[in-house]
Structure formats: C-alpha cells, structure tokens
N, C-alpha and C. Protein backbone atom coordinates (compact mmCIF):
# COMPACT_ATOMS: atom_id res chain seq x y z
N UNK A 1 15.68 -8.02 19.13
CA UNK A 1 15.64 -6.66 19.25
C UNK A 1 14.20 -6.24 20.01
N UNK A 2 13.19 -6.92 19.51
CA UNK A 2 11.82 -6.49 19.96
C UNK A 2 11.38 -6.87 21.38
N UNK A 3 12.38 -7.76 21.88
CA UNK A 3 12.25 -8.16 23.30
C UNK A 3 12.63 -7.07 24.28
N UNK A 4 13.50 -6.14 23.77
CA UNK A 4 13.91 -5.08 24.57
C UNK A 4 13.24 -3.77 24.19
N UNK A 5 12.99 -3.48 22.99
CA UNK A 5 12.37 -2.24 22.44
C UNK A 5 11.27 -2.54 21.59
N UNK A 6 10.08 -1.81 21.77
CA UNK A 6 8.94 -1.96 21.04
C UNK A 6 9.08 -1.51 19.66
N UNK A 7 8.65 -2.13 18.60
CA UNK A 7 8.73 -1.57 17.28
C UNK A 7 7.93 -0.26 17.09
N UNK A 8 8.49 0.61 16.33
CA UNK A 8 7.70 1.80 16.01
C UNK A 8 7.89 2.43 14.55
N UNK A 9 7.12 3.18 14.11
CA UNK A 9 7.35 3.97 12.76
C UNK A 9 6.67 5.38 13.04
N UNK A 10 7.53 6.35 12.98
CA UNK A 10 6.99 7.68 13.16
C UNK A 10 6.51 8.20 11.83
N UNK A 11 5.32 8.95 11.78
CA UNK A 11 4.71 9.51 10.68
C UNK A 11 5.15 10.98 10.54
N UNK A 12 5.91 11.31 11.51
CA UNK A 12 6.43 12.89 11.44
C UNK A 12 7.98 12.82 11.34
N UNK A 13 8.43 13.86 10.98
CA UNK A 13 10.05 13.87 11.04
C UNK A 13 10.50 13.78 12.47
N UNK A 14 11.37 12.83 12.65
CA UNK A 14 11.75 12.70 14.05
C UNK A 14 12.93 13.62 14.43
N UNK A 15 13.20 13.87 15.73
CA UNK A 15 14.41 14.65 16.05
C UNK A 15 15.65 14.10 15.50
N UNK A 16 16.71 14.82 15.45
CA UNK A 16 17.88 14.44 14.97
C UNK A 16 18.43 13.29 15.75
N UNK A 17 19.01 12.29 15.07
CA UNK A 17 19.62 11.03 15.72
C UNK A 17 18.52 9.94 16.02
N UNK A 18 17.30 10.29 15.84
CA UNK A 18 16.31 9.28 16.00
C UNK A 18 15.77 8.62 14.72
N UNK A 19 15.90 7.34 14.49
CA UNK A 19 15.41 6.88 13.17
C UNK A 19 13.88 7.11 13.12
N UNK A 20 13.40 7.10 11.82
CA UNK A 20 11.96 7.23 11.79
C UNK A 20 11.23 5.92 11.91
N UNK A 21 11.96 4.85 11.94
CA UNK A 21 11.41 3.49 12.25
C UNK A 21 12.45 2.58 12.72
N UNK A 22 12.16 1.70 13.52
CA UNK A 22 13.10 0.62 13.96
C UNK A 22 12.69 -0.79 13.58
N UNK A 23 11.58 -0.74 12.64
CA UNK A 23 11.02 -2.06 12.28
C UNK A 23 12.17 -2.70 11.23
N UNK A 24 12.30 -3.95 11.50
CA UNK A 24 13.22 -4.69 10.73
C UNK A 24 12.37 -5.52 9.87
N UNK A 25 12.28 -5.51 8.59
CA UNK A 25 11.48 -6.35 7.73
C UNK A 25 12.26 -7.66 7.36
N UNK A 26 11.63 -8.77 7.41
CA UNK A 26 12.23 -10.15 7.06
C UNK A 26 11.24 -10.65 6.01
N UNK A 27 11.82 -11.37 5.04
CA UNK A 27 11.02 -12.04 4.04
C UNK A 27 10.62 -13.47 4.58
N UNK A 28 9.54 -13.93 4.44
CA UNK A 28 9.25 -15.45 4.79
C UNK A 28 8.50 -16.05 3.74
N UNK A 29 8.79 -17.21 3.50
CA UNK A 29 8.00 -18.01 2.49
C UNK A 29 6.99 -18.83 3.21
N UNK A 30 5.75 -18.57 2.62
CA UNK A 30 4.52 -19.36 3.28
C UNK A 30 3.83 -20.20 2.15
N UNK A 31 3.22 -21.22 2.54
CA UNK A 31 2.56 -22.00 1.54
C UNK A 31 0.99 -21.70 1.89
N UNK A 32 0.22 -21.52 0.69
CA UNK A 32 -1.23 -21.32 1.08
C UNK A 32 -1.85 -22.57 0.47
N UNK A 33 -2.66 -23.36 1.31
CA UNK A 33 -3.09 -24.74 0.90
C UNK A 33 -4.44 -24.32 0.05
N UNK A 34 -4.80 -25.39 -0.60
CA UNK A 34 -5.96 -25.25 -1.40
C UNK A 34 -7.13 -25.15 -0.39
N UNK A 35 -7.88 -24.08 -0.31
CA UNK A 35 -8.84 -23.85 0.63
C UNK A 35 -10.37 -24.41 0.23
N UNK A 36 -10.43 -24.90 -0.94
CA UNK A 36 -11.72 -25.22 -1.53
C UNK A 36 -12.36 -26.34 -0.62
N UNK A 37 -11.47 -27.46 -0.19
CA UNK A 37 -12.01 -28.41 0.53
C UNK A 37 -12.52 -28.09 1.93
N UNK A 38 -11.55 -27.14 2.63
CA UNK A 38 -11.89 -26.58 3.72
C UNK A 38 -13.20 -25.76 3.75
N UNK A 39 -13.34 -25.03 2.72
CA UNK A 39 -14.63 -24.17 2.65
C UNK A 39 -15.86 -25.06 2.51
N UNK A 40 -15.67 -26.17 1.66
CA UNK A 40 -16.75 -27.12 1.43
C UNK A 40 -17.09 -27.77 2.87
N UNK A 41 -16.06 -27.93 3.58
CA UNK A 41 -16.35 -28.64 4.96
C UNK A 41 -17.16 -27.67 5.82
N UNK A 42 -16.80 -26.43 5.79
CA UNK A 42 -17.47 -25.38 6.57
C UNK A 42 -18.92 -25.28 6.18
N UNK A 43 -19.20 -25.35 5.01
CA UNK A 43 -20.49 -25.26 4.38
C UNK A 43 -21.34 -26.50 4.73
N UNK A 44 -20.75 -27.67 4.78
CA UNK A 44 -21.46 -28.87 5.16
C UNK A 44 -21.86 -28.87 6.59
N UNK A 45 -20.91 -28.35 7.39
CA UNK A 45 -21.23 -28.28 8.98
C UNK A 45 -22.21 -27.13 9.18
N UNK A 46 -22.54 -26.32 8.25
CA UNK A 46 -23.47 -25.31 8.52
C UNK A 46 -22.80 -23.98 9.13
N UNK A 47 -21.43 -24.02 9.11
CA UNK A 47 -20.69 -22.86 9.86
C UNK A 47 -20.51 -21.74 8.86
N UNK A 48 -20.80 -21.97 7.48
CA UNK A 48 -20.52 -20.98 6.41
C UNK A 48 -21.63 -21.12 5.55
N UNK A 49 -22.26 -19.93 5.18
CA UNK A 49 -23.35 -19.93 4.12
C UNK A 49 -23.00 -18.85 3.09
N UNK A 50 -23.29 -19.27 1.80
CA UNK A 50 -23.19 -18.33 0.71
C UNK A 50 -24.48 -17.89 0.41
N UNK A 51 -24.66 -16.51 0.46
CA UNK A 51 -26.00 -15.97 0.28
C UNK A 51 -25.96 -15.38 -1.04
N UNK A 52 -27.13 -15.32 -1.68
CA UNK A 52 -27.42 -14.88 -3.09
C UNK A 52 -27.31 -13.24 -2.95
N UNK A 53 -26.67 -12.65 -3.87
CA UNK A 53 -26.51 -11.27 -3.83
C UNK A 53 -26.88 -10.64 -5.26
N UNK A 54 -27.57 -9.53 -5.28
CA UNK A 54 -27.82 -9.02 -6.53
C UNK A 54 -26.79 -7.76 -6.81
N UNK A 55 -26.12 -7.64 -7.99
CA UNK A 55 -25.28 -6.70 -8.18
C UNK A 55 -25.45 -6.23 -9.72
N UNK A 56 -25.23 -4.91 -9.81
CA UNK A 56 -25.37 -4.37 -11.20
C UNK A 56 -24.07 -4.64 -11.96
N UNK A 57 -23.08 -5.29 -11.25
CA UNK A 57 -21.75 -5.28 -11.89
C UNK A 57 -21.58 -6.89 -12.22
N UNK A 58 -20.86 -7.09 -13.39
CA UNK A 58 -20.44 -8.44 -13.84
C UNK A 58 -19.03 -8.68 -13.34
N UNK A 59 -18.59 -9.80 -13.42
CA UNK A 59 -17.29 -10.19 -13.01
C UNK A 59 -16.16 -9.37 -13.60
N UNK A 60 -16.26 -9.03 -14.97
CA UNK A 60 -15.18 -8.31 -15.59
C UNK A 60 -15.16 -6.81 -14.97
N UNK A 61 -16.40 -6.38 -14.62
CA UNK A 61 -16.54 -4.93 -14.19
C UNK A 61 -15.57 -4.62 -12.88
N UNK A 62 -15.17 -5.74 -12.29
CA UNK A 62 -14.27 -5.33 -11.12
C UNK A 62 -12.88 -5.17 -11.49
N UNK A 63 -12.49 -5.21 -12.74
CA UNK A 63 -11.22 -4.94 -13.17
C UNK A 63 -10.98 -3.38 -13.34
N UNK A 64 -11.98 -2.68 -13.28
CA UNK A 64 -11.93 -1.22 -13.45
C UNK A 64 -12.35 -0.47 -12.13
N UNK A 65 -11.31 0.15 -11.55
CA UNK A 65 -11.47 0.82 -10.19
C UNK A 65 -12.38 1.98 -10.17
N UNK A 66 -12.50 2.71 -11.38
CA UNK A 66 -13.43 3.74 -11.37
C UNK A 66 -14.90 3.23 -11.31
N UNK A 67 -15.05 2.06 -12.08
CA UNK A 67 -16.44 1.48 -12.11
C UNK A 67 -16.77 0.94 -10.76
N UNK A 68 -15.78 0.43 -10.15
CA UNK A 68 -16.08 -0.12 -8.59
C UNK A 68 -16.63 1.18 -7.78
N UNK A 69 -15.81 2.27 -7.78
CA UNK A 69 -16.21 3.44 -7.23
C UNK A 69 -17.56 3.88 -7.60
N UNK A 70 -17.85 4.07 -8.84
CA UNK A 70 -19.12 4.46 -9.29
C UNK A 70 -20.26 3.59 -8.90
N UNK A 71 -20.03 2.32 -9.08
CA UNK A 71 -21.20 1.33 -8.76
C UNK A 71 -21.34 0.86 -7.46
N UNK A 72 -20.27 0.75 -6.57
CA UNK A 72 -20.35 0.24 -5.18
C UNK A 72 -20.21 1.26 -4.05
N UNK A 73 -19.08 1.84 -4.23
CA UNK A 73 -18.63 2.72 -3.15
C UNK A 73 -19.64 4.07 -3.02
N UNK A 74 -19.95 4.62 -4.13
CA UNK A 74 -20.77 5.82 -4.21
C UNK A 74 -22.27 5.45 -3.71
N UNK A 75 -22.76 4.32 -4.21
CA UNK A 75 -23.94 3.86 -3.83
C UNK A 75 -24.14 3.60 -2.39
N UNK A 76 -23.01 3.10 -1.76
CA UNK A 76 -23.04 2.76 -0.32
C UNK A 76 -22.73 4.04 0.63
N UNK A 77 -22.40 5.27 -0.21
CA UNK A 77 -21.93 6.23 0.68
C UNK A 77 -20.58 6.17 1.21
N UNK A 78 -19.73 5.54 0.62
CA UNK A 78 -18.33 5.41 1.22
C UNK A 78 -17.28 6.11 0.37
N UNK A 79 -17.75 7.00 -0.46
CA UNK A 79 -16.81 7.78 -1.28
C UNK A 79 -17.23 9.33 -1.05
C-alpha cells in the first residue's frame, strides 16, 4: 500500500469519506541482545565515556513523576 500512497494521520476531523489515518499497524517480534558486552567494547575503544554526575536524586527517587518534575525539570527550566 505504501508504495502507492504515503502514510498519513490527520489531527483534525477529516472531510466525510476520508479516513483519519491510513496507517496499518503490524506487530513484530524483536530480540534485544545483551548490550553490556557491546557497551564495554565501546568504552575500551574510547568511543564512549561515562562521566560522573552529581544529582540530588537517588535511584528510588526516579519512581515518582512529581519528584522528577520538581528536582530535574523545574531546575532546568523545562516545566
């Protein structure tokens, strides 16, 4: 289908007879490999560096959306 017509999705109510979207969703199974070895290789080659970062938040603090907004987004002016 997409060889003949470009996919679209209208965010407004379309005219009568025109579908709001012609996108046909398909489910695909993918496998996600263990990337730890790949990341280690990037670090060893000098292509990736992990930099220290100071944060007022602990690991558990990231479970609370309001806490994230209060401590990160507002501080950075993104809210």
